[in-house]
Amino acid sequence: MSAPDKEEWRRAMEKEYNALLKNVVWKLVDRPQNKNVIKCKWVYKVRQNYEGKDRFSARLVARGFSQKQGVDYSDTFSPVVRYSTFRTLFALVNEYD
């Protein structure tokens, strides 16, 4: 954190961390013996806001590639929407304008 804009990065990290706490993203538990701990890292990116000014963005990401199926996890989930749900929603929108 020796960059000239270190305060902007610190604020971006603090904003991300506070959002994670607010949304109750994790629950702190004791580490099970002989289990792999998934590490995380910060990813930084400078983005432009709608006025063209730089906006500093920091994201805390898990290094999921270090997980082993059957050891660290057993199931994977992906939220998906069925097409019938979309068709029903569009029919209701059309019906009630």
PDB file of N, CA and C in Angstrom:
ATOM      1  N   MET A   1       0.837  -1.190   0.000  1.00  0.00           N
ATOM      2  CA  MET A   1       0.000   0.000   0.000  1.00  0.00           C
ATOM      3  C   MET A   1       0.880   1.252   0.000  1.00  0.00           C
ATOM      4  N   SER A   2       1.855   1.271  -0.874  1.00  0.00           N
ATOM      5  CA  SER A   2       2.727   2.430  -0.948  1.00  0.00           C
ATOM      6  C   SER A   2       2.400   3.304  -2.156  1.00  0.00           C
ATOM      7  N   ALA A   3       1.325   3.009  -2.857  1.00  0.00           N
ATOM      8  CA  ALA A   3       0.944   3.800  -4.029  1.00  0.00           C
ATOM      9  C   ALA A   3       0.462   5.180  -3.586  1.00  0.00           C
ATOM     10  N   PRO A   4       0.572   6.170  -4.459  1.00  0.00           N
ATOM     11  CA  PRO A   4       0.133   7.520  -4.084  1.00  0.00           C
ATOM     12  C   PRO A   4      -1.368   7.591  -3.777  1.00  0.00           C
ATOM     13  N   ASP A   5      -2.153   6.698  -4.357  1.00  0.00           N
ATOM     14  CA  ASP A   5      -3.600   6.710  -4.125  1.00  0.00           C
ATOM     15  C   ASP A   5      -4.031   5.627  -3.138  1.00  0.00           C
ATOM     16  N   LYS A   6      -3.168   5.370  -2.154  1.00  0.00           N
ATOM     17  CA  LYS A   6      -3.444   4.296  -1.196  1.00  0.00           C
ATOM     18  C   LYS A   6      -4.701   4.547  -0.371  1.00  0.00           C
ATOM     19  N   GLU A   7      -5.026   5.802  -0.104  1.00  0.00           N
ATOM     20  CA  GLU A   7      -6.228   6.103   0.676  1.00  0.00           C
ATOM     21  C   GLU A   7      -7.496   5.735  -0.084  1.00  0.00           C
ATOM     22  N   GLU A   8      -7.507   5.938  -1.407  1.00  0.00           N
ATOM     23  CA  GLU A   8      -8.665   5.542  -2.212  1.00  0.00           C
ATOM     24  C   GLU A   8      -8.846   4.029  -2.193  1.00  0.00           C
ATOM     25  N   TRP A   9      -7.741   3.299  -2.290  1.00  0.00           N
ATOM     26  CA  TRP A   9      -7.814   1.832  -2.231  1.00  0.00           C
ATOM     27  C   TRP A   9      -8.265   1.363  -0.856  1.00  0.00           C
ATOM     28  N   ARG A  10      -7.774   2.009   0.200  1.00  0.00           N
ATOM     29  CA  ARG A  10      -8.178   1.638   1.548  1.00  0.00           C
ATOM     30  C   ARG A  10      -9.674   1.856   1.740  1.00  0.00           C
ATOM     31  N   ARG A  11     -10.185   2.992   1.232  1.00  0.00           N
ATOM     32  CA  ARG A  11     -11.622   3.261   1.331  1.00  0.00           C
ATOM     33  C   ARG A  11     -12.435   2.246   0.534  1.00  0.00           C
ATOM     34  N   ALA A  12     -11.940   1.852  -0.646  1.00  0.00           N
ATOM     35  CA  ALA A  12     -12.631   0.851  -1.459  1.00  0.00           C
ATOM     36  C   ALA A  12     -12.677  -0.492  -0.740  1.00  0.00           C
ATOM     37  N   MET A  13     -11.570  -0.873  -0.104  1.00  0.00           N
ATOM     38  CA  MET A  13     -11.532  -2.123   0.642  1.00  0.00           C
ATOM     39  C   MET A  13     -12.478  -2.067   1.848  1.00  0.00           C
ATOM     40  N   GLU A  14     -12.492  -0.946   2.522  1.00  0.00           N
ATOM     41  CA  GLU A  14     -13.369  -0.785   3.683  1.00  0.00           C
ATOM     42  C   GLU A  14     -14.841  -0.853   3.265  1.00  0.00           C
ATOM     43  N   LYS A  15     -15.163  -0.233   2.142  1.00  0.00           N
ATOM     44  CA  LYS A  15     -16.537  -0.264   1.627  1.00  0.00           C
ATOM     45  C   LYS A  15     -16.955  -1.703   1.298  1.00  0.00           C
ATOM     46  N   GLU A  16     -16.086  -2.457   0.651  1.00  0.00           N
ATOM     47  CA  GLU A  16     -16.376  -3.851   0.307  1.00  0.00           C
ATOM     48  C   GLU A  16     -16.529  -4.691   1.572  1.00  0.00           C
ATOM     49  N   TYR A  17     -15.640  -4.526   2.520  1.00  0.00           N
ATOM     50  CA  TYR A  17     -15.690  -5.293   3.757  1.00  0.00           C
ATOM     51  C   TYR A  17     -16.978  -5.007   4.527  1.00  0.00           C
ATOM     52  N   ASN A  18     -17.351  -3.741   4.618  1.00  0.00           N
ATOM     53  CA  ASN A  18     -18.581  -3.374   5.318  1.00  0.00           C
ATOM     54  C   ASN A  18     -19.807  -3.945   4.614  1.00  0.00           C
ATOM     55  N   ALA A  19     -19.793  -3.985   3.281  1.00  0.00           N
ATOM     56  CA  ALA A  19     -20.908  -4.575   2.537  1.00  0.00           C
ATOM     57  C   ALA A  19     -21.006  -6.075   2.819  1.00  0.00           C
ATOM     58  N   LEU A  20     -19.868  -6.753   2.909  1.00  0.00           N
ATOM     59  CA  LEU A  20     -19.873  -8.179   3.225  1.00  0.00           C
ATOM     60  C   LEU A  20     -20.436  -8.427   4.625  1.00  0.00           C
ATOM     61  N   LEU A  21     -20.062  -7.590   5.580  1.00  0.00           N
ATOM     62  CA  LEU A  21     -20.590  -7.732   6.933  1.00  0.00           C
ATOM     63  C   LEU A  21     -22.090  -7.443   6.970  1.00  0.00           C
ATOM     64  N   LYS A  22     -22.510  -6.389   6.280  1.00  0.00           N
ATOM     65  CA  LYS A  22     -23.925  -5.996   6.268  1.00  0.00           C
ATOM     66  C   LYS A  22     -24.802  -7.100   5.678  1.00  0.00           C
ATOM     67  N   ASN A  23     -24.316  -7.773   4.644  1.00  0.00           N
ATOM     68  CA  ASN A  23     -25.087  -8.814   3.972  1.00  0.00           C
ATOM     69  C   ASN A  23     -24.894 -10.199   4.581  1.00  0.00           C
ATOM     70  N   VAL A  24     -24.194 -10.270   5.697  1.00  0.00           N
ATOM     71  CA  VAL A  24     -23.940 -11.521   6.426  1.00  0.00           C
ATOM     72  C   VAL A  24     -23.477 -12.607   5.446  1.00  0.00           C
ATOM     73  N   VAL A  25     -22.373 -12.336   4.764  1.00  0.00           N
ATOM     74  CA  VAL A  25     -21.850 -13.231   3.738  1.00  0.00           C
ATOM     75  C   VAL A  25     -21.208 -14.468   4.352  1.00  0.00           C
ATOM     76  N   TRP A  26     -20.647 -14.347   5.530  1.00  0.00           N
ATOM     77  CA  TRP A  26     -19.996 -15.487   6.154  1.00  0.00           C
ATOM     78  C   TRP A  26     -20.347 -15.553   7.631  1.00  0.00           C
ATOM     79  N   LYS A  27     -20.049 -16.690   8.216  1.00  0.00           N
ATOM     80  CA  LYS A  27     -20.218 -16.897   9.649  1.00  0.00           C
ATOM     81  C   LYS A  27     -18.895 -17.450  10.158  1.00  0.00           C
ATOM     82  N   LEU A  28     -18.345 -16.832  11.168  1.00  0.00           N
ATOM     83  CA  LEU A  28     -17.071 -17.252  11.730  1.00  0.00           C
ATOM     84  C   LEU A  28     -17.270 -18.509  12.573  1.00  0.00           C
ATOM     85  N   VAL A  29     -16.530 -19.550  12.247  1.00  0.00           N
ATOM     86  CA  VAL A  29     -16.620 -20.822  12.973  1.00  0.00           C
ATOM     87  C   VAL A  29     -15.211 -21.289  13.302  1.00  0.00           C
ATOM     88  N   ASP A  30     -15.124 -22.249  14.222  1.00  0.00           N
ATOM     89  CA  ASP A  30     -13.834 -22.856  14.519  1.00  0.00           C
ATOM     90  C   ASP A  30     -13.397 -23.706  13.338  1.00  0.00           C
ATOM     91  N   ARG A  31     -12.110 -23.725  13.089  1.00  0.00           N
ATOM     92  CA  ARG A  31     -11.572 -24.512  11.980  1.00  0.00           C
ATOM     93  C   ARG A  31     -11.629 -25.998  12.315  1.00  0.00           C
ATOM     94  N   PRO A  32     -12.269 -26.794  11.458  1.00  0.00           N
ATOM     95  CA  PRO A  32     -12.253 -28.242  11.683  1.00  0.00           C
ATOM     96  C   PRO A  32     -10.831 -28.776  11.491  1.00  0.00           C
ATOM     97  N   GLN A  33     -10.474 -29.753  12.309  1.00  0.00           N
ATOM     98  CA  GLN A  33      -9.135 -30.323  12.196  1.00  0.00           C
ATOM     99  C   GLN A  33      -8.976 -31.036  10.860  1.00  0.00           C
ATOM    100  N   ASN A  34      -7.776 -30.962  10.301  1.00  0.00           N
ATOM    101  CA  ASN A  34      -7.418 -31.629   9.044  1.00  0.00           C
ATOM    102  C   ASN A  34      -8.263 -31.188   7.863  1.00  0.00           C
ATOM    103  N   LYS A  35      -8.743 -29.938   7.872  1.00  0.00           N
ATOM    104  CA  LYS A  35      -9.529 -29.424   6.752  1.00  0.00           C
ATOM    105  C   LYS A  35      -8.786 -28.267   6.097  1.00  0.00           C
ATOM    106  N   ASN A  36      -8.965 -28.154   4.805  1.00  0.00           N
ATOM    107  CA  ASN A  36      -8.338 -27.111   4.022  1.00  0.00           C
ATOM    108  C   ASN A  36      -9.056 -25.781   4.264  1.00  0.00           C
ATOM    109  N   VAL A  37      -8.309 -24.723   4.470  1.00  0.00           N
ATOM    110  CA  VAL A  37      -8.872 -23.393   4.612  1.00  0.00           C
ATOM    111  C   VAL A  37      -8.734 -22.697   3.259  1.00  0.00           C
ATOM    112  N   ILE A  38      -9.838 -22.218   2.741  1.00  0.00           N
ATOM    113  CA  ILE A  38      -9.834 -21.539   1.447  1.00  0.00           C
ATOM    114  C   ILE A  38      -9.365 -20.109   1.672  1.00  0.00           C
ATOM    115  N   LYS A  39      -8.264 -19.757   1.069  1.00  0.00           N
ATOM    116  CA  LYS A  39      -7.714 -18.417   1.225  1.00  0.00           C
ATOM    117  C   LYS A  39      -8.462 -17.454   0.307  1.00  0.00           C
ATOM    118  N   CYS A  40      -8.271 -16.179   0.557  1.00  0.00           N
ATOM    119  CA  CYS A  40      -8.887 -15.162  -0.284  1.00  0.00           C
ATOM    120  C   CYS A  40      -7.839 -14.104  -0.616  1.00  0.00           C
ATOM    121  N   LYS A  41      -8.190 -13.256  -1.567  1.00  0.00           N
ATOM    122  CA  LYS A  41      -7.280 -12.167  -1.926  1.00  0.00           C
ATOM    123  C   LYS A  41      -8.090 -10.981  -2.406  1.00  0.00           C
ATOM    124  N   TRP A  42      -7.474  -9.816  -2.383  1.00  0.00           N
ATOM    125  CA  TRP A  42      -8.118  -8.599  -2.864  1.00  0.00           C
ATOM    126  C   TRP A  42      -7.824  -8.432  -4.349  1.00  0.00           C
ATOM    127  N   VAL A  43      -8.853  -8.054  -5.089  1.00  0.00           N
ATOM    128  CA  VAL A  43      -8.712  -7.746  -6.514  1.00  0.00           C
ATOM    129  C   VAL A  43      -9.096  -6.281  -6.679  1.00  0.00           C
ATOM    130  N   TYR A  44      -8.216  -5.520  -7.303  1.00  0.00           N
ATOM    131  CA  TYR A  44      -8.409  -4.077  -7.441  1.00  0.00           C
ATOM    132  C   TYR A  44      -8.653  -3.708  -8.898  1.00  0.00           C
ATOM    133  N   LYS A  45      -9.515  -2.713  -9.092  1.00  0.00           N
ATOM    134  CA  LYS A  45      -9.789  -2.251 -10.450  1.00  0.00           C
ATOM    135  C   LYS A  45     -10.215  -0.790 -10.390  1.00  0.00           C
ATOM    136  N   VAL A  46      -9.701   0.005 -11.310  1.00  0.00           N
ATOM    137  CA  VAL A  46     -10.132   1.388 -11.433  1.00  0.00           C
ATOM    138  C   VAL A  46     -11.199   1.427 -12.509  1.00  0.00           C
ATOM    139  N   ARG A  47     -12.361   1.948 -12.149  1.00  0.00           N
ATOM    140  CA  ARG A  47     -13.481   2.028 -13.091  1.00  0.00           C
ATOM    141  C   ARG A  47     -13.857   3.486 -13.274  1.00  0.00           C
ATOM    142  N   GLN A  48     -14.655   3.736 -14.273  1.00  0.00           N
ATOM    143  CA  GLN A  48     -15.117   5.094 -14.540  1.00  0.00           C
ATOM    144  C   GLN A  48     -16.577   5.205 -14.107  1.00  0.00           C
ATOM    145  N   ASN A  49     -16.918   6.279 -13.404  1.00  0.00           N
ATOM    146  CA  ASN A  49     -18.319   6.481 -13.064  1.00  0.00           C
ATOM    147  C   ASN A  49     -19.012   7.189 -14.233  1.00  0.00           C
ATOM    148  N   TYR A  50     -20.276   7.505 -14.081  1.00  0.00           N
ATOM    149  CA  TYR A  50     -21.038   8.087 -15.187  1.00  0.00           C
ATOM    150  C   TYR A  50     -20.537   9.466 -15.596  1.00  0.00           C
ATOM    151  N   GLU A  51     -19.788  10.135 -14.731  1.00  0.00           N
ATOM    152  CA  GLU A  51     -19.220  11.444 -15.047  1.00  0.00           C
ATOM    153  C   GLU A  51     -17.834  11.340 -15.660  1.00  0.00           C
ATOM    154  N   GLY A  52     -17.306  10.125 -15.777  1.00  0.00           N
ATOM    155  CA  GLY A  52     -15.982   9.924 -16.340  1.00  0.00           C
ATOM    156  C   GLY A  52     -14.862   9.987 -15.320  1.00  0.00           C
ATOM    157  N   LYS A  53     -15.209  10.137 -14.050  1.00  0.00           N
ATOM    158  CA  LYS A  53     -14.187  10.185 -12.993  1.00  0.00           C
ATOM    159  C   LYS A  53     -13.802   8.771 -12.599  1.00  0.00           C
ATOM    160  N   ASP A  54     -12.560   8.615 -12.144  1.00  0.00           N
ATOM    161  CA  ASP A  54     -12.081   7.309 -11.691  1.00  0.00           C
ATOM    162  C   ASP A  54     -12.779   6.911 -10.397  1.00  0.00           C
ATOM    163  N   ARG A  55     -13.158   5.646 -10.341  1.00  0.00           N
ATOM    164  CA  ARG A  55     -13.759   5.074  -9.135  1.00  0.00           C
ATOM    165  C   ARG A  55     -12.949   3.834  -8.796  1.00  0.00           C
ATOM    166  N   PHE A  56     -12.470   3.773  -7.579  1.00  0.00           N
ATOM    167  CA  PHE A  56     -11.631   2.663  -7.148  1.00  0.00           C
ATOM    168  C   PHE A  56     -12.523   1.551  -6.602  1.00  0.00           C
ATOM    169  N   SER A  57     -12.343   0.356  -7.135  1.00  0.00           N
ATOM    170  CA  SER A  57     -13.158  -0.796  -6.761  1.00  0.00           C
ATOM    171  C   SER A  57     -12.253  -1.895  -6.222  1.00  0.00           C
ATOM    172  N   ALA A  58     -12.624  -2.431  -5.072  1.00  0.00           N
ATOM    173  CA  ALA A  58     -11.872  -3.533  -4.469  1.00  0.00           C
ATOM    174  C   ALA A  58     -12.857  -4.658  -4.172  1.00  0.00           C
ATOM    175  N   ARG A  59     -12.491  -5.873  -4.508  1.00  0.00           N
ATOM    176  CA  ARG A  59     -13.338  -7.044  -4.259  1.00  0.00           C
ATOM    177  C   ARG A  59     -12.520  -8.099  -3.528  1.00  0.00           C
ATOM    178  N   LEU A  60     -13.129  -8.693  -2.521  1.00  0.00           N
ATOM    179  CA  LEU A  60     -12.496  -9.792  -1.795  1.00  0.00           C
ATOM    180  C   LEU A  60     -13.014 -11.083  -2.414  1.00  0.00           C
ATOM    181  N   VAL A  61     -12.122 -11.857  -2.993  1.00  0.00           N
ATOM    182  CA  VAL A  61     -12.536 -13.074  -3.699  1.00  0.00           C
ATOM    183  C   VAL A  61     -11.872 -14.295  -3.070  1.00  0.00           C
ATOM    184  N   ALA A  62     -12.625 -15.396  -3.063  1.00  0.00           N
ATOM    185  CA  ALA A  62     -12.098 -16.659  -2.549  1.00  0.00           C
ATOM    186  C   ALA A  62     -11.273 -17.328  -3.635  1.00  0.00           C
ATOM    187  N   ARG A  63     -10.229 -17.979  -3.240  1.00  0.00           N
ATOM    188  CA  ARG A  63      -9.379 -18.700  -4.189  1.00  0.00           C
ATOM    189  C   ARG A  63      -9.896 -20.131  -4.287  1.00  0.00           C
ATOM    190  N   GLY A  64     -11.070 -20.264  -4.936  1.00  0.00           N
ATOM    191  CA  GLY A  64     -11.789 -21.521  -4.989  1.00  0.00           C
ATOM    192  C   GLY A  64     -11.066 -22.643  -5.704  1.00  0.00           C
ATOM    193  N   PHE A  65     -10.076 -22.314  -6.522  1.00  0.00           N
ATOM    194  CA  PHE A  65      -9.335 -23.358  -7.237  1.00  0.00           C
ATOM    195  C   PHE A  65      -8.557 -24.259  -6.295  1.00  0.00           C
ATOM    196  N   SER A  66      -8.423 -23.851  -5.039  1.00  0.00           N
ATOM    197  CA  SER A  66      -7.692 -24.683  -4.087  1.00  0.00           C
ATOM    198  C   SER A  66      -8.590 -25.719  -3.410  1.00  0.00           C
ATOM    199  N   GLN A  67      -9.880 -25.714  -3.736  1.00  0.00           N
ATOM    200  CA  GLN A  67     -10.798 -26.689  -3.158  1.00  0.00           C
ATOM    201  C   GLN A  67     -10.709 -28.024  -3.877  1.00  0.00           C
ATOM    202  N   LYS A  68     -11.024 -29.077  -3.140  1.00  0.00           N
ATOM    203  CA  LYS A  68     -11.048 -30.419  -3.716  1.00  0.00           C
ATOM    204  C   LYS A  68     -12.439 -30.996  -3.505  1.00  0.00           C
ATOM    205  N   GLN A  69     -13.065 -31.435  -4.600  1.00  0.00           N
ATOM    206  CA  GLN A  69     -14.403 -31.996  -4.506  1.00  0.00           C
ATOM    207  C   GLN A  69     -14.379 -33.269  -3.664  1.00  0.00           C
ATOM    208  N   GLY A  70     -15.375 -33.396  -2.801  1.00  0.00           N
ATOM    209  CA  GLY A  70     -15.447 -34.538  -1.908  1.00  0.00           C
ATOM    210  C   GLY A  70     -14.688 -34.327  -0.615  1.00  0.00           C
ATOM    211  N   VAL A  71     -13.777 -33.353  -0.599  1.00  0.00           N
ATOM    212  CA  VAL A  71     -13.012 -33.050   0.610  1.00  0.00           C
ATOM    213  C   VAL A  71     -13.494 -31.727   1.196  1.00  0.00           C
ATOM    214  N   ASP A  72     -13.469 -30.666   0.383  1.00  0.00           N
ATOM    215  CA  ASP A  72     -13.869 -29.334   0.837  1.00  0.00           C
ATOM    216  C   ASP A  72     -15.331 -29.029   0.537  1.00  0.00           C
ATOM    217  N   TYR A  73     -15.908 -29.695  -0.424  1.00  0.00           N
ATOM    218  CA  TYR A  73     -17.318 -29.498  -0.752  1.00  0.00           C
ATOM    219  C   TYR A  73     -17.837 -30.756  -1.427  1.00  0.00           C
ATOM    220  N   SER A  74     -19.158 -30.905  -1.403  1.00  0.00           N
ATOM    221  CA  SER A  74     -19.739 -32.083  -2.037  1.00  0.00           C
ATOM    222  C   SER A  74     -20.761 -31.705  -3.100  1.00  0.00           C
ATOM    223  N   ASP A  75     -21.404 -30.552  -2.962  1.00  0.00           N
ATOM    224  CA  ASP A  75     -22.422 -30.127  -3.922  1.00  0.00           C
ATOM    225  C   ASP A  75     -22.082 -28.749  -4.460  1.00  0.00           C
ATOM    226  N   THR A  76     -22.543 -28.480  -5.663  1.00  0.00           N
ATOM    227  CA  THR A  76     -22.450 -27.142  -6.222  1.00  0.00           C
ATOM    228  C   THR A  76     -23.854 -26.692  -6.581  1.00  0.00           C
ATOM    229  N   PHE A  77     -24.096 -25.414  -6.442  1.00  0.00           N
ATOM    230  CA  PHE A  77     -25.415 -24.865  -6.717  1.00  0.00           C
ATOM    231  C   PHE A  77     -25.276 -23.671  -7.645  1.00  0.00           C
ATOM    232  N   SER A  78     -26.199 -23.560  -8.555  1.00  0.00           N
ATOM    233  CA  SER A  78     -26.228 -22.413  -9.450  1.00  0.00           C
ATOM    234  C   SER A  78     -27.678 -21.968  -9.579  1.00  0.00           C
ATOM    235  N   PRO A  79     -27.959 -20.720  -9.242  1.00  0.00           N
ATOM    236  CA  PRO A  79     -29.336 -20.264  -9.362  1.00  0.00           C
ATOM    237  C   PRO A  79     -29.730 -20.166 -10.835  1.00  0.00           C
ATOM    238  N   VAL A  80     -30.771 -20.873 -11.201  1.00  0.00           N
ATOM    239  CA  VAL A  80     -31.242 -20.844 -12.586  1.00  0.00           C
ATOM    240  C   VAL A  80     -32.740 -20.606 -12.584  1.00  0.00           C
ATOM    241  N   VAL A  81     -33.204 -19.994 -13.650  1.00  0.00           N
ATOM    242  CA  VAL A  81     -34.625 -19.732 -13.813  1.00  0.00           C
ATOM    243  C   VAL A  81     -35.112 -20.541 -15.000  1.00  0.00           C
ATOM    244  N   ARG A  82     -36.222 -21.219 -14.818  1.00  0.00           N
ATOM    245  CA  ARG A  82     -36.781 -21.996 -15.915  1.00  0.00           C
ATOM    246  C   ARG A  82     -37.488 -21.063 -16.886  1.00  0.00           C
ATOM    247  N   TYR A  83     -37.522 -21.443 -18.143  1.00  0.00           N
ATOM    248  CA  TYR A  83     -38.180 -20.632 -19.165  1.00  0.00           C
ATOM    249  C   TYR A  83     -39.670 -20.498 -18.888  1.00  0.00           C
ATOM    250  N   SER A  84     -40.275 -21.509 -18.281  1.00  0.00           N
ATOM    251  CA  SER A  84     -41.704 -21.422 -17.975  1.00  0.00           C
ATOM    252  C   SER A  84     -41.982 -20.290 -16.981  1.00  0.00           C
ATOM    253  N   THR A  85     -41.021 -20.016 -16.094  1.00  0.00           N
ATOM    254  CA  THR A  85     -41.177 -18.906 -15.158  1.00  0.00           C
ATOM    255  C   THR A  85     -41.177 -17.587 -15.903  1.00  0.00           C
ATOM    256  N   PHE A  86     -40.265 -17.416 -16.861  1.00  0.00           N
ATOM    257  CA  PHE A  86     -40.238 -16.205 -17.675  1.00  0.00           C
ATOM    258  C   PHE A  86     -41.532 -16.054 -18.470  1.00  0.00           C
ATOM    259  N   ARG A  87     -42.007 -17.129 -19.068  1.00  0.00           N
ATOM    260  CA  ARG A  87     -43.232 -17.056 -19.868  1.00  0.00           C
ATOM    261  C   ARG A  87     -44.417 -16.645 -19.005  1.00  0.00           C
ATOM    262  N   THR A  88     -44.496 -17.177 -17.796  1.00  0.00           N
ATOM    263  CA  THR A  88     -45.583 -16.803 -16.891  1.00  0.00           C
ATOM    264  C   THR A  88     -45.487 -15.333 -16.515  1.00  0.00           C
ATOM    265  N   LEU A  89     -44.297 -14.879 -16.207  1.00  0.00           N
ATOM    266  CA  LEU A  89     -44.095 -13.481 -15.847  1.00  0.00           C
ATOM    267  C   LEU A  89     -44.477 -12.562 -17.004  1.00  0.00           C
ATOM    268  N   PHE A  90     -44.037 -12.885 -18.215  1.00  0.00           N
ATOM    269  CA  PHE A  90     -44.370 -12.059 -19.376  1.00  0.00           C
ATOM    270  C   PHE A  90     -45.864 -12.072 -19.671  1.00  0.00           C
ATOM    271  N   ALA A  91     -46.516 -13.209 -19.456  1.00  0.00           N
ATOM    272  CA  ALA A  91     -47.961 -13.286 -19.665  1.00  0.00           C
ATOM    273  C   ALA A  91     -48.689 -12.378 -18.674  1.00  0.00           C
ATOM    274  N   LEU A  92     -48.228 -12.366 -17.416  1.00  0.00           N
ATOM    275  CA  LEU A  92     -48.850 -11.494 -16.419  1.00  0.00           C
ATOM    276  C   LEU A  92     -48.615 -10.026 -16.738  1.00  0.00           C
ATOM    277  N   VAL A  93     -47.431  -9.691 -17.179  1.00  0.00           N
ATOM    278  CA  VAL A  93     -47.128  -8.302 -17.561  1.00  0.00           C
ATOM    279  C   VAL A  93     -48.028  -7.890 -18.719  1.00  0.00           C
ATOM    280  N   ASN A  94     -48.206  -8.757 -19.686  1.00  0.00           N
ATOM    281  CA  ASN A  94     -49.072  -8.448 -20.831  1.00  0.00           C
ATOM    282  C   ASN A  94     -50.522  -8.312 -20.401  1.00  0.00           C
ATOM    283  N   GLU A  95     -50.965  -9.192 -19.535  1.00  0.00           N
ATOM    284  CA  GLU A  95     -52.368  -9.180 -19.084  1.00  0.00           C
ATOM    285  C   GLU A  95     -52.703  -7.917 -18.305  1.00  0.00           C
ATOM    286  N   TYR A  96     -51.804  -7.513 -17.425  1.00  0.00           N
ATOM    287  CA  TYR A  96     -52.073  -6.366 -16.548  1.00  0.00           C
ATOM    288  C   TYR A  96     -51.412  -5.067 -17.028  1.00  0.00           C
ATOM    289  N   ASP A  97     -50.842  -5.129 -18.224  1.00  0.00           N
ATOM    290  CA  ASP A  97     -50.244  -3.950 -18.871  1.00  0.00           C
ATOM    291  C   ASP A  97     -49.241  -3.270 -17.946  1.00  0.00           C
TER     292      ASP A  97
END
